[in-house]
Amino acid sequence: MTIEYQRLKNWPFEDVVQRYTFKDSILYALGVGLGENPVDPQELKFLYEDGLKALPTLAVVLSRPGFWVRDPRSGVDWKKVLHGEQGLILHRPLPPEGEISARTKIDEIVDKGAGKGALIYSSRTLVDTATKEPICTLTSTTFCRGDGGFGGPSGPSPAPRPIPERAPDLTCDLPTSRRAALIYRLSGDYNPLHADPAVAKAAGFPEPILHGLGTYGVAGHALLRLLCDYDPSRLKRMDVRFSSPVFPGETIRTEIWRTGAGQAAFRSRVVERDVVVLNNGYAEYK
């Protein structure tokens, strides 16, 4: 099958209701590397249930629609799908436990042309089921490498956020554990690429790689540390492009440029290989 524009644009997503507990918030924080120093009082705010706070990036694992492109009716060659971009806009701090609901919708599908792939832009807003108030809006770009040339619109595609051509104002090095992917997957992404060495080798990697959203969470930790003094209510937005995988155990250096009042550009690289893994990052904060 090939992509049918109107069918995919109107994909029948259902509401996904999820109840999560303090254990889920703590497990997520451990999965993105907090607790490397187990007596750091700033990190313990996200790891200890007495006065627990949720990391803002926890939102990316809540009320997910699942790997829906695997449905043959989508027309997508799911084996050639990559997560291209991720965005998060926070309307209020995410509670450390509660019940939320969200429904994913397809905002646009862009046909890059035969042999060039397609882009699926989607979004979902997490809503507190008790108060009916929106908590945050998540945006995602899926790069479908095998699906260009289906006859859909060729644009528009937003231009990437610029990175200043000067030395960063701030940098933060955060190590990842060799067990990082095995812990992070317990937050809901059980793709064997991140756990099974045989699957990783079949995909062209020497060993399992860290989830892209796990890397996103590590960068979120860096922004929280350097821009928000570990106050999650101060982070308002975080957008990135994924550019290269991370292997568990590598060190992720996040470079930050202040670009205006409450605005910053950032990118993340693996120190050991000097490879940029997240690029064109944009953050808003108080």
C-alpha atoms as a PDB file:
ATOM      1  CA  MET A   1       0.000   0.000   0.000  1.00  0.00           C
ATOM      2  CA  THR A   2       0.929   3.644  -0.385  1.00  0.00           C
ATOM      3  CA  ILE A   3      -0.163   6.608   1.664  1.00  0.00           C
ATOM      4  CA  GLU A   4      -3.644   7.882   0.869  1.00  0.00           C
ATOM      5  CA  TYR A   5      -3.525  11.505   1.945  1.00  0.00           C
ATOM      6  CA  GLN A   6      -7.118  11.954   3.110  1.00  0.00           C
ATOM      7  CA  ARG A   7      -7.312   8.578   4.861  1.00  0.00           C
ATOM      8  CA  LEU A   8      -4.117   9.295   6.813  1.00  0.00           C
ATOM      9  CA  LYS A   9      -5.040  12.914   7.533  1.00  0.00           C
ATOM     10  CA  ASN A  10      -8.299  11.703   9.131  1.00  0.00           C
ATOM     11  CA  TRP A  11      -6.797   8.726  10.953  1.00  0.00           C
ATOM     12  CA  PRO A  12      -9.324   7.581  13.624  1.00  0.00           C
ATOM     13  CA  PHE A  13      -7.325   8.026  16.809  1.00  0.00           C
ATOM     14  CA  GLU A  14      -9.160   7.356  20.058  1.00  0.00           C
ATOM     15  CA  ASP A  15      -8.767   9.094  23.408  1.00  0.00           C
ATOM     16  CA  VAL A  16      -6.003   7.480  25.449  1.00  0.00           C
ATOM     17  CA  VAL A  17      -6.649   7.737  29.194  1.00  0.00           C
ATOM     18  CA  GLN A  18      -3.721   6.950  31.460  1.00  0.00           C
ATOM     19  CA  ARG A  19      -3.375   6.899  35.207  1.00  0.00           C
ATOM     20  CA  TYR A  20       0.197   7.257  36.404  1.00  0.00           C
ATOM     21  CA  THR A  21       1.629   7.168  39.922  1.00  0.00           C
ATOM     22  CA  PHE A  22       4.631   8.591  41.729  1.00  0.00           C
ATOM     23  CA  LYS A  23       6.485   5.393  40.809  1.00  0.00           C
ATOM     24  CA  ASP A  24       6.080   6.155  37.111  1.00  0.00           C
ATOM     25  CA  SER A  25       7.478   9.667  37.603  1.00  0.00           C
ATOM     26  CA  ILE A  26      10.473   8.314  39.533  1.00  0.00           C
ATOM     27  CA  LEU A  27      11.121   5.514  37.030  1.00  0.00           C
ATOM     28  CA  TYR A  28      11.116   8.011  34.163  1.00  0.00           C
ATOM     29  CA  ALA A  29      13.581  10.272  36.010  1.00  0.00           C
ATOM     30  CA  LEU A  30      15.904   7.310  36.594  1.00  0.00           C
ATOM     31  CA  GLY A  31      15.582   6.379  32.915  1.00  0.00           C
ATOM     32  CA  VAL A  32      16.883   9.758  31.743  1.00  0.00           C
ATOM     33  CA  GLY A  33      19.796   9.672  34.172  1.00  0.00           C
ATOM     34  CA  LEU A  34      18.812  11.495  37.336  1.00  0.00           C
ATOM     35  CA  GLY A  35      20.265  10.011  40.494  1.00  0.00           C
ATOM     36  CA  GLU A  36      23.833   9.700  39.232  1.00  0.00           C
ATOM     37  CA  ASN A  37      24.623  11.570  42.444  1.00  0.00           C
ATOM     38  CA  PRO A  38      22.037  10.031  44.802  1.00  0.00           C
ATOM     39  CA  VAL A  39      22.528  12.678  47.508  1.00  0.00           C
ATOM     40  CA  ASP A  40      22.060  15.717  45.250  1.00  0.00           C
ATOM     41  CA  PRO A  41      19.024  17.482  46.790  1.00  0.00           C
ATOM     42  CA  GLN A  42      18.103  19.085  43.443  1.00  0.00           C
ATOM     43  CA  GLU A  43      17.848  15.741  41.641  1.00  0.00           C
ATOM     44  CA  LEU A  44      16.176  14.039  44.603  1.00  0.00           C
ATOM     45  CA  LYS A  45      13.152  16.313  44.107  1.00  0.00           C
ATOM     46  CA  PHE A  46      12.343  14.097  41.111  1.00  0.00           C
ATOM     47  CA  LEU A  47      13.335  10.779  42.691  1.00  0.00           C
ATOM     48  CA  TYR A  48      11.953  10.765  46.240  1.00  0.00           C
ATOM     49  CA  GLU A  49       8.237  10.681  46.960  1.00  0.00           C
ATOM     50  CA  ASP A  50       8.342  13.211  49.831  1.00  0.00           C
ATOM     51  CA  GLY A  51       7.558  16.449  47.972  1.00  0.00           C
ATOM     52  CA  LEU A  52       8.030  14.765  44.576  1.00  0.00           C
ATOM     53  CA  LYS A  53       8.001  16.818  41.376  1.00  0.00           C
ATOM     54  CA  ALA A  54       7.658  15.525  37.823  1.00  0.00           C
ATOM     55  CA  LEU A  55      10.197  16.254  35.113  1.00  0.00           C
ATOM     56  CA  PRO A  56       8.522  18.317  32.368  1.00  0.00           C
ATOM     57  CA  THR A  57       9.663  15.843  29.693  1.00  0.00           C
ATOM     58  CA  LEU A  58       7.758  13.016  31.422  1.00  0.00           C
ATOM     59  CA  ALA A  59       4.862  14.236  29.267  1.00  0.00           C
ATOM     60  CA  VAL A  60       6.311  12.568  26.154  1.00  0.00           C
ATOM     61  CA  VAL A  61       5.600   9.065  27.502  1.00  0.00           C
ATOM     62  CA  LEU A  62       2.018   9.728  28.661  1.00  0.00           C
ATOM     63  CA  SER A  63      -1.178   8.858  26.708  1.00  0.00           C
ATOM     64  CA  ARG A  64       0.786   7.833  23.648  1.00  0.00           C
ATOM     65  CA  PRO A  65      -1.122   6.513  20.624  1.00  0.00           C
ATOM     66  CA  GLY A  66       1.181   3.516  20.232  1.00  0.00           C
ATOM     67  CA  PHE A  67       3.027   2.458  17.074  1.00  0.00           C
ATOM     68  CA  TRP A  68      -0.029   3.121  14.914  1.00  0.00           C
ATOM     69  CA  VAL A  69       1.861   3.400  11.604  1.00  0.00           C
ATOM     70  CA  ARG A  70       2.364  -0.378  11.766  1.00  0.00           C
ATOM     71  CA  ASP A  71      -1.304  -0.709  10.786  1.00  0.00           C
ATOM     72  CA  PRO A  72      -1.182  -1.590   7.043  1.00  0.00           C
ATOM     73  CA  ARG A  73      -4.121   0.734   6.386  1.00  0.00           C
ATOM     74  CA  SER A  74      -1.807   3.702   7.089  1.00  0.00           C
ATOM     75  CA  GLY A  75       0.100   2.965   3.882  1.00  0.00           C
ATOM     76  CA  VAL A  76       3.356   3.712   5.724  1.00  0.00           C
ATOM     77  CA  ASP A  77       6.429   1.483   5.392  1.00  0.00           C
ATOM     78  CA  TRP A  78       6.861   1.312   9.163  1.00  0.00           C
ATOM     79  CA  LYS A  79      10.293  -0.359   8.971  1.00  0.00           C
ATOM     80  CA  LYS A  80      11.692   2.847   7.447  1.00  0.00           C
ATOM     81  CA  VAL A  81      10.119   5.280   9.923  1.00  0.00           C
ATOM     82  CA  LEU A  82      12.253   7.632  12.009  1.00  0.00           C
ATOM     83  CA  HIS A  83      11.310  10.099  14.744  1.00  0.00           C
ATOM     84  CA  GLY A  84      12.399  13.386  13.181  1.00  0.00           C
ATOM     85  CA  GLU A  85      11.374  16.112  15.622  1.00  0.00           C
ATOM     86  CA  GLN A  86       9.770  16.504  19.044  1.00  0.00           C
ATOM     87  CA  GLY A  87       8.160  19.546  20.633  1.00  0.00           C
ATOM     88  CA  LEU A  88       6.673  20.237  24.051  1.00  0.00           C
ATOM     89  CA  ILE A  89       4.679  23.306  25.121  1.00  0.00           C
ATOM     90  CA  LEU A  90       3.808  23.391  28.820  1.00  0.00           C
ATOM     91  CA  HIS A  91       0.627  25.196  29.875  1.00  0.00           C
ATOM     92  CA  ARG A  92       1.137  24.303  33.568  1.00  0.00           C
ATOM     93  CA  PRO A  93       3.479  22.027  35.534  1.00  0.00           C
ATOM     94  CA  LEU A  94       2.886  18.324  35.067  1.00  0.00           C
ATOM     95  CA  PRO A  95       1.687  16.733  38.333  1.00  0.00           C
ATOM     96  CA  PRO A  96       3.839  13.865  39.683  1.00  0.00           C
ATOM     97  CA  GLU A  97       0.804  11.560  39.578  1.00  0.00           C
ATOM     98  CA  GLY A  98      -2.753  11.678  38.301  1.00  0.00           C
ATOM     99  CA  GLU A  99      -4.973  10.714  35.396  1.00  0.00           C
ATOM    100  CA  ILE A 100      -4.693  12.355  32.016  1.00  0.00           C
ATOM    101  CA  SER A 101      -6.215  11.877  28.584  1.00  0.00           C
ATOM    102  CA  ALA A 102      -5.130  12.827  25.088  1.00  0.00           C
ATOM    103  CA  ARG A 103      -6.117  12.241  21.486  1.00  0.00           C
ATOM    104  CA  THR A 104      -3.503  12.383  18.751  1.00  0.00           C
ATOM    105  CA  LYS A 105      -4.333  14.142  15.484  1.00  0.00           C
ATOM    106  CA  ILE A 106      -2.530  14.415  12.167  1.00  0.00           C
ATOM    107  CA  ASP A 107      -1.894  18.084  11.430  1.00  0.00           C
ATOM    108  CA  GLU A 108      -0.317  17.676   8.008  1.00  0.00           C
ATOM    109  CA  ILE A 109       1.450  15.223   5.699  1.00  0.00           C
ATOM    110  CA  VAL A 110       4.151  16.542   3.392  1.00  0.00           C
ATOM    111  CA  ASP A 111       5.307  14.611   0.320  1.00  0.00           C
ATOM    112  CA  LYS A 112       9.021  15.285  -0.224  1.00  0.00           C
ATOM    113  CA  GLY A 113       8.974  13.401  -3.537  1.00  0.00           C
ATOM    114  CA  ALA A 114       9.835   9.930  -4.827  1.00  0.00           C
ATOM    115  CA  GLY A 115      12.939   8.626  -3.110  1.00  0.00           C
ATOM    116  CA  LYS A 116      12.908  11.536  -0.631  1.00  0.00           C
ATOM    117  CA  GLY A 117      10.306  10.336   1.855  1.00  0.00           C
ATOM    118  CA  ALA A 118       7.337  11.969   3.564  1.00  0.00           C
ATOM    119  CA  LEU A 119       6.789  13.916   6.774  1.00  0.00           C
ATOM    120  CA  ILE A 120       3.852  13.345   9.115  1.00  0.00           C
ATOM    121  CA  TYR A 121       3.206  16.210  11.541  1.00  0.00           C
ATOM    122  CA  SER A 122       1.092  15.169  14.537  1.00  0.00           C
ATOM    123  CA  SER A 123       0.111  16.598  17.916  1.00  0.00           C
ATOM    124  CA  ARG A 124      -1.710  15.748  21.117  1.00  0.00           C
ATOM    125  CA  THR A 125      -2.736  17.783  24.167  1.00  0.00           C
ATOM    126  CA  LEU A 126      -2.624  16.174  27.601  1.00  0.00           C
ATOM    127  CA  VAL A 127      -5.693  17.066  29.678  1.00  0.00           C
ATOM    128  CA  ASP A 128      -6.210  16.504  33.405  1.00  0.00           C
ATOM    129  CA  THR A 129      -9.297  14.282  33.524  1.00  0.00           C
ATOM    130  CA  ALA A 130     -10.349  15.657  36.928  1.00  0.00           C
ATOM    131  CA  THR A 131     -10.169  19.393  36.119  1.00  0.00           C
ATOM    132  CA  LYS A 132     -10.468  19.190  32.297  1.00  0.00           C
ATOM    133  CA  GLU A 133      -7.591  21.667  32.107  1.00  0.00           C
ATOM    134  CA  PRO A 134      -4.885  21.256  29.431  1.00  0.00           C
ATOM    135  CA  ILE A 135      -1.438  20.498  30.861  1.00  0.00           C
ATOM    136  CA  CYS A 136       0.751  20.514  27.780  1.00  0.00           C
ATOM    137  CA  THR A 137       0.770  20.108  24.013  1.00  0.00           C
ATOM    138  CA  LEU A 138       3.141  17.691  22.306  1.00  0.00           C
ATOM    139  CA  THR A 139       4.132  17.920  18.656  1.00  0.00           C
ATOM    140  CA  SER A 140       5.989  15.302  16.649  1.00  0.00           C
ATOM    141  CA  THR A 141       7.396  14.922  13.153  1.00  0.00           C
ATOM    142  CA  THR A 142       7.658  11.402  11.760  1.00  0.00           C
ATOM    143  CA  PHE A 143      10.051  10.932   8.840  1.00  0.00           C
ATOM    144  CA  CYS A 144       8.752   8.169   6.578  1.00  0.00           C
ATOM    145  CA  ARG A 145      11.830   7.387   4.476  1.00  0.00           C
ATOM    146  CA  GLY A 146      10.085   4.937   2.159  1.00  0.00           C
ATOM    147  CA  ASP A 147       6.883   6.833   1.389  1.00  0.00           C
ATOM    148  CA  GLY A 148       7.643   9.822  -0.809  1.00  0.00           C
ATOM    149  CA  GLY A 149       5.899  10.317  -4.121  1.00  0.00           C
ATOM    150  CA  PHE A 150       2.348   9.494  -3.036  1.00  0.00           C
ATOM    151  CA  GLY A 151       0.948  12.679  -4.576  1.00  0.00           C
ATOM    152  CA  GLY A 152       0.408  14.765  -1.447  1.00  0.00           C
ATOM    153  CA  PRO A 153       1.238  18.433  -0.826  1.00  0.00           C
ATOM    154  CA  SER A 154       4.924  19.299  -1.055  1.00  0.00           C
ATOM    155  CA  GLY A 155       4.826  21.803   1.826  1.00  0.00           C
ATOM    156  CA  PRO A 156       4.984  23.828   3.840  1.00  0.00           C
ATOM    157  CA  SER A 157       7.739  22.442   6.064  1.00  0.00           C
ATOM    158  CA  PRO A 158       8.890  24.689   8.931  1.00  0.00           C
ATOM    159  CA  ALA A 159      12.512  25.779   8.687  1.00  0.00           C
ATOM    160  CA  PRO A 160      14.817  24.401  11.393  1.00  0.00           C
ATOM    161  CA  ARG A 161      15.549  26.642  14.353  1.00  0.00           C
ATOM    162  CA  PRO A 162      18.945  28.329  13.900  1.00  0.00           C
ATOM    163  CA  ILE A 163      21.947  27.657  16.117  1.00  0.00           C
ATOM    164  CA  PRO A 164      24.163  30.744  16.709  1.00  0.00           C
ATOM    165  CA  GLU A 165      27.581  30.699  15.063  1.00  0.00           C
ATOM    166  CA  ARG A 166      29.475  31.443  18.251  1.00  0.00           C
ATOM    167  CA  ALA A 167      30.605  29.599  21.352  1.00  0.00           C
ATOM    168  CA  PRO A 168      27.739  28.485  23.613  1.00  0.00           C
ATOM    169  CA  ASP A 169      26.947  30.514  26.709  1.00  0.00           C
ATOM    170  CA  LEU A 170      26.418  27.408  28.852  1.00  0.00           C
ATOM    171  CA  THR A 171      27.318  23.720  28.615  1.00  0.00           C
ATOM    172  CA  CYS A 172      26.257  20.720  30.661  1.00  0.00           C
ATOM    173  CA  ASP A 173      27.802  17.233  30.487  1.00  0.00           C
ATOM    174  CA  LEU A 174      25.535  14.425  31.675  1.00  0.00           C
ATOM    175  CA  PRO A 175      26.648  10.782  31.623  1.00  0.00           C
ATOM    176  CA  THR A 176      24.283   8.011  30.612  1.00  0.00           C
ATOM    177  CA  SER A 177      24.305   4.598  32.248  1.00  0.00           C
ATOM    178  CA  ARG A 178      25.045   1.431  30.297  1.00  0.00           C
ATOM    179  CA  ARG A 179      21.609   0.367  31.576  1.00  0.00           C
ATOM    180  CA  ALA A 180      19.887   3.572  30.434  1.00  0.00           C
ATOM    181  CA  ALA A 181      17.841   2.034  27.586  1.00  0.00           C
ATOM    182  CA  LEU A 182      16.815  -0.958  29.703  1.00  0.00           C
ATOM    183  CA  ILE A 183      15.459   1.408  32.355  1.00  0.00           C
ATOM    184  CA  TYR A 184      13.906   3.956  29.975  1.00  0.00           C
ATOM    185  CA  ARG A 185      11.945   1.291  28.050  1.00  0.00           C
ATOM    186  CA  LEU A 186       9.970   0.550  31.239  1.00  0.00           C
ATOM    187  CA  SER A 187       8.282   3.934  30.729  1.00  0.00           C
ATOM    188  CA  GLY A 188       6.429   2.439  27.763  1.00  0.00           C
ATOM    189  CA  ASP A 189       8.613   2.115  24.647  1.00  0.00           C
ATOM    190  CA  TYR A 190       9.388  -1.602  24.304  1.00  0.00           C
ATOM    191  CA  ASN A 191      10.952  -1.484  20.833  1.00  0.00           C
ATOM    192  CA  PRO A 192      13.505  -4.355  20.885  1.00  0.00           C
ATOM    193  CA  LEU A 193      15.996  -2.125  19.059  1.00  0.00           C
ATOM    194  CA  HIS A 194      16.779  -0.695  22.498  1.00  0.00           C
ATOM    195  CA  ALA A 195      17.258  -4.022  24.302  1.00  0.00           C
ATOM    196  CA  ASP A 196      18.017  -6.924  21.956  1.00  0.00           C
ATOM    197  CA  PRO A 197      21.582  -7.001  20.523  1.00  0.00           C
ATOM    198  CA  ALA A 198      20.466  -9.206  17.602  1.00  0.00           C
ATOM    199  CA  VAL A 199      17.736  -6.742  16.579  1.00  0.00           C
ATOM    200  CA  ALA A 200      20.176  -3.826  16.870  1.00  0.00           C
ATOM    201  CA  LYS A 201      22.733  -5.563  14.634  1.00  0.00           C
ATOM    202  CA  ALA A 202      20.052  -6.357  12.065  1.00  0.00           C
ATOM    203  CA  ALA A 203      19.235  -2.627  12.025  1.00  0.00           C
ATOM    204  CA  GLY A 204      22.884  -1.760  11.416  1.00  0.00           C
ATOM    205  CA  PHE A 205      23.975  -0.853  14.940  1.00  0.00           C
ATOM    206  CA  PRO A 206      26.751  -2.619  16.884  1.00  0.00           C
ATOM    207  CA  GLU A 207      24.549  -2.736  19.986  1.00  0.00           C
ATOM    208  CA  PRO A 208      21.163  -1.448  21.247  1.00  0.00           C
ATOM    209  CA  ILE A 209      20.775   2.322  21.108  1.00  0.00           C
ATOM    210  CA  LEU A 210      19.165   4.718  23.552  1.00  0.00           C
ATOM    211  CA  HIS A 211      15.622   5.843  22.727  1.00  0.00           C
ATOM    212  CA  GLY A 212      15.566   9.197  20.960  1.00  0.00           C
ATOM    213  CA  LEU A 213      13.094  10.477  23.538  1.00  0.00           C
ATOM    214  CA  GLY A 214      15.495   9.248  26.223  1.00  0.00           C
ATOM    215  CA  THR A 215      18.132  11.568  24.767  1.00  0.00           C
ATOM    216  CA  TYR A 216      15.463  14.276  24.676  1.00  0.00           C
ATOM    217  CA  GLY A 217      14.913  13.730  28.413  1.00  0.00           C
ATOM    218  CA  VAL A 218      18.643  14.057  29.132  1.00  0.00           C
ATOM    219  CA  ALA A 219      18.707  17.383  27.270  1.00  0.00           C
ATOM    220  CA  GLY A 220      15.602  18.435  29.212  1.00  0.00           C
ATOM    221  CA  HIS A 221      17.500  17.718  32.430  1.00  0.00           C
ATOM    222  CA  ALA A 222      20.333  19.973  31.227  1.00  0.00           C
ATOM    223  CA  LEU A 223      17.915  22.813  30.427  1.00  0.00           C
ATOM    224  CA  LEU A 224      16.238  22.399  33.797  1.00  0.00           C
ATOM    225  CA  ARG A 225      19.617  22.575  35.549  1.00  0.00           C
ATOM    226  CA  LEU A 226      21.156  25.508  33.682  1.00  0.00           C
ATOM    227  CA  LEU A 227      18.150  27.682  32.810  1.00  0.00           C
ATOM    228  CA  CYS A 228      15.531  26.891  35.462  1.00  0.00           C
ATOM    229  CA  ASP A 229      17.482  26.090  38.642  1.00  0.00           C
ATOM    230  CA  TYR A 230      15.650  22.735  38.773  1.00  0.00           C
ATOM    231  CA  ASP A 231      12.249  24.434  39.010  1.00  0.00           C
ATOM    232  CA  PRO A 232      10.005  22.545  36.532  1.00  0.00           C
ATOM    233  CA  SER A 233       7.409  25.335  36.532  1.00  0.00           C
ATOM    234  CA  ARG A 234       9.921  27.589  34.754  1.00  0.00           C
ATOM    235  CA  LEU A 235      10.349  25.472  31.604  1.00  0.00           C
ATOM    236  CA  LYS A 236       7.714  26.464  29.033  1.00  0.00           C
ATOM    237  CA  ARG A 237       8.822  24.964  25.731  1.00  0.00           C
ATOM    238  CA  MET A 238      11.357  22.510  24.318  1.00  0.00           C
ATOM    239  CA  ASP A 239      11.687  21.667  20.589  1.00  0.00           C
ATOM    240  CA  VAL A 240      14.415  19.555  18.930  1.00  0.00           C
ATOM    241  CA  ARG A 241      15.430  17.689  15.799  1.00  0.00           C
ATOM    242  CA  PHE A 242      16.887  14.204  16.184  1.00  0.00           C
ATOM    243  CA  SER A 243      20.101  13.832  14.212  1.00  0.00           C
ATOM    244  CA  SER A 244      22.032  10.765  15.445  1.00  0.00           C
ATOM    245  CA  PRO A 245      21.653   7.897  17.934  1.00  0.00           C
ATOM    246  CA  VAL A 246      23.250   7.599  21.366  1.00  0.00           C
ATOM    247  CA  PHE A 247      24.721   4.400  22.778  1.00  0.00           C
ATOM    248  CA  PRO A 248      24.024   3.806  26.487  1.00  0.00           C
ATOM    249  CA  GLY A 249      27.064   4.728  28.540  1.00  0.00           C
ATOM    250  CA  GLU A 250      28.023   7.741  26.440  1.00  0.00           C
ATOM    251  CA  THR A 251      28.201  11.295  27.787  1.00  0.00           C
ATOM    252  CA  ILE A 252      25.749  13.835  26.395  1.00  0.00           C
ATOM    253  CA  ARG A 253      26.952  17.447  26.302  1.00  0.00           C
ATOM    254  CA  THR A 254      24.166  20.014  25.903  1.00  0.00           C
ATOM    255  CA  GLU A 255      25.290  23.393  24.568  1.00  0.00           C
ATOM    256  CA  ILE A 256      23.023  26.377  25.222  1.00  0.00           C
ATOM    257  CA  TRP A 257      22.882  29.874  23.734  1.00  0.00           C
ATOM    258  CA  ARG A 258      20.754  32.596  25.310  1.00  0.00           C
ATOM    259  CA  THR A 259      18.953  34.245  22.379  1.00  0.00           C
ATOM    260  CA  GLY A 260      16.500  36.605  24.078  1.00  0.00           C
ATOM    261  CA  ALA A 261      14.473  37.169  27.217  1.00  0.00           C
ATOM    262  CA  GLY A 262      13.374  33.707  28.291  1.00  0.00           C
ATOM    263  CA  GLN A 263      14.555  32.113  25.049  1.00  0.00           C
ATOM    264  CA  ALA A 264      17.456  29.825  24.220  1.00  0.00           C
ATOM    265  CA  ALA A 265      18.875  27.749  21.391  1.00  0.00           C
ATOM    266  CA  PHE A 266      20.535  24.435  22.189  1.00  0.00           C
ATOM    267  CA  ARG A 267      21.957  21.232  20.770  1.00  0.00           C
ATOM    268  CA  SER A 268      23.385  18.048  22.281  1.00  0.00           C
ATOM    269  CA  ARG A 269      26.395  16.017  21.243  1.00  0.00           C
ATOM    270  CA  VAL A 270      28.045  12.793  22.361  1.00  0.00           C
ATOM    271  CA  VAL A 271      31.378  13.761  23.896  1.00  0.00           C
ATOM    272  CA  GLU A 272      33.180  10.490  23.186  1.00  0.00           C
ATOM    273  CA  ARG A 273      32.440  10.550  19.424  1.00  0.00           C
ATOM    274  CA  ASP A 274      31.936  14.315  18.964  1.00  0.00           C
ATOM    275  CA  VAL A 275      28.650  13.643  17.147  1.00  0.00           C
ATOM    276  CA  VAL A 276      25.633  15.966  17.332  1.00  0.00           C
ATOM    277  CA  VAL A 277      22.636  13.862  18.421  1.00  0.00           C
ATOM    278  CA  LEU A 278      20.010  16.591  18.962  1.00  0.00           C
ATOM    279  CA  ASN A 279      20.075  19.716  16.816  1.00  0.00           C
ATOM    280  CA  ASN A 280      18.206  22.962  16.177  1.00  0.00           C
ATOM    281  CA  GLY A 281      16.886  22.994  19.733  1.00  0.00           C
ATOM    282  CA  TYR A 282      14.687  25.822  21.005  1.00  0.00           C
ATOM    283  CA  ALA A 283      13.585  26.462  24.583  1.00  0.00           C
ATOM    284  CA  GLU A 284      11.394  29.006  26.351  1.00  0.00           C
ATOM    285  CA  TYR A 285      11.610  29.490  30.114  1.00  0.00           C
ATOM    286  CA  LYS A 286      10.801  31.898  32.903  1.00  0.00           C
END
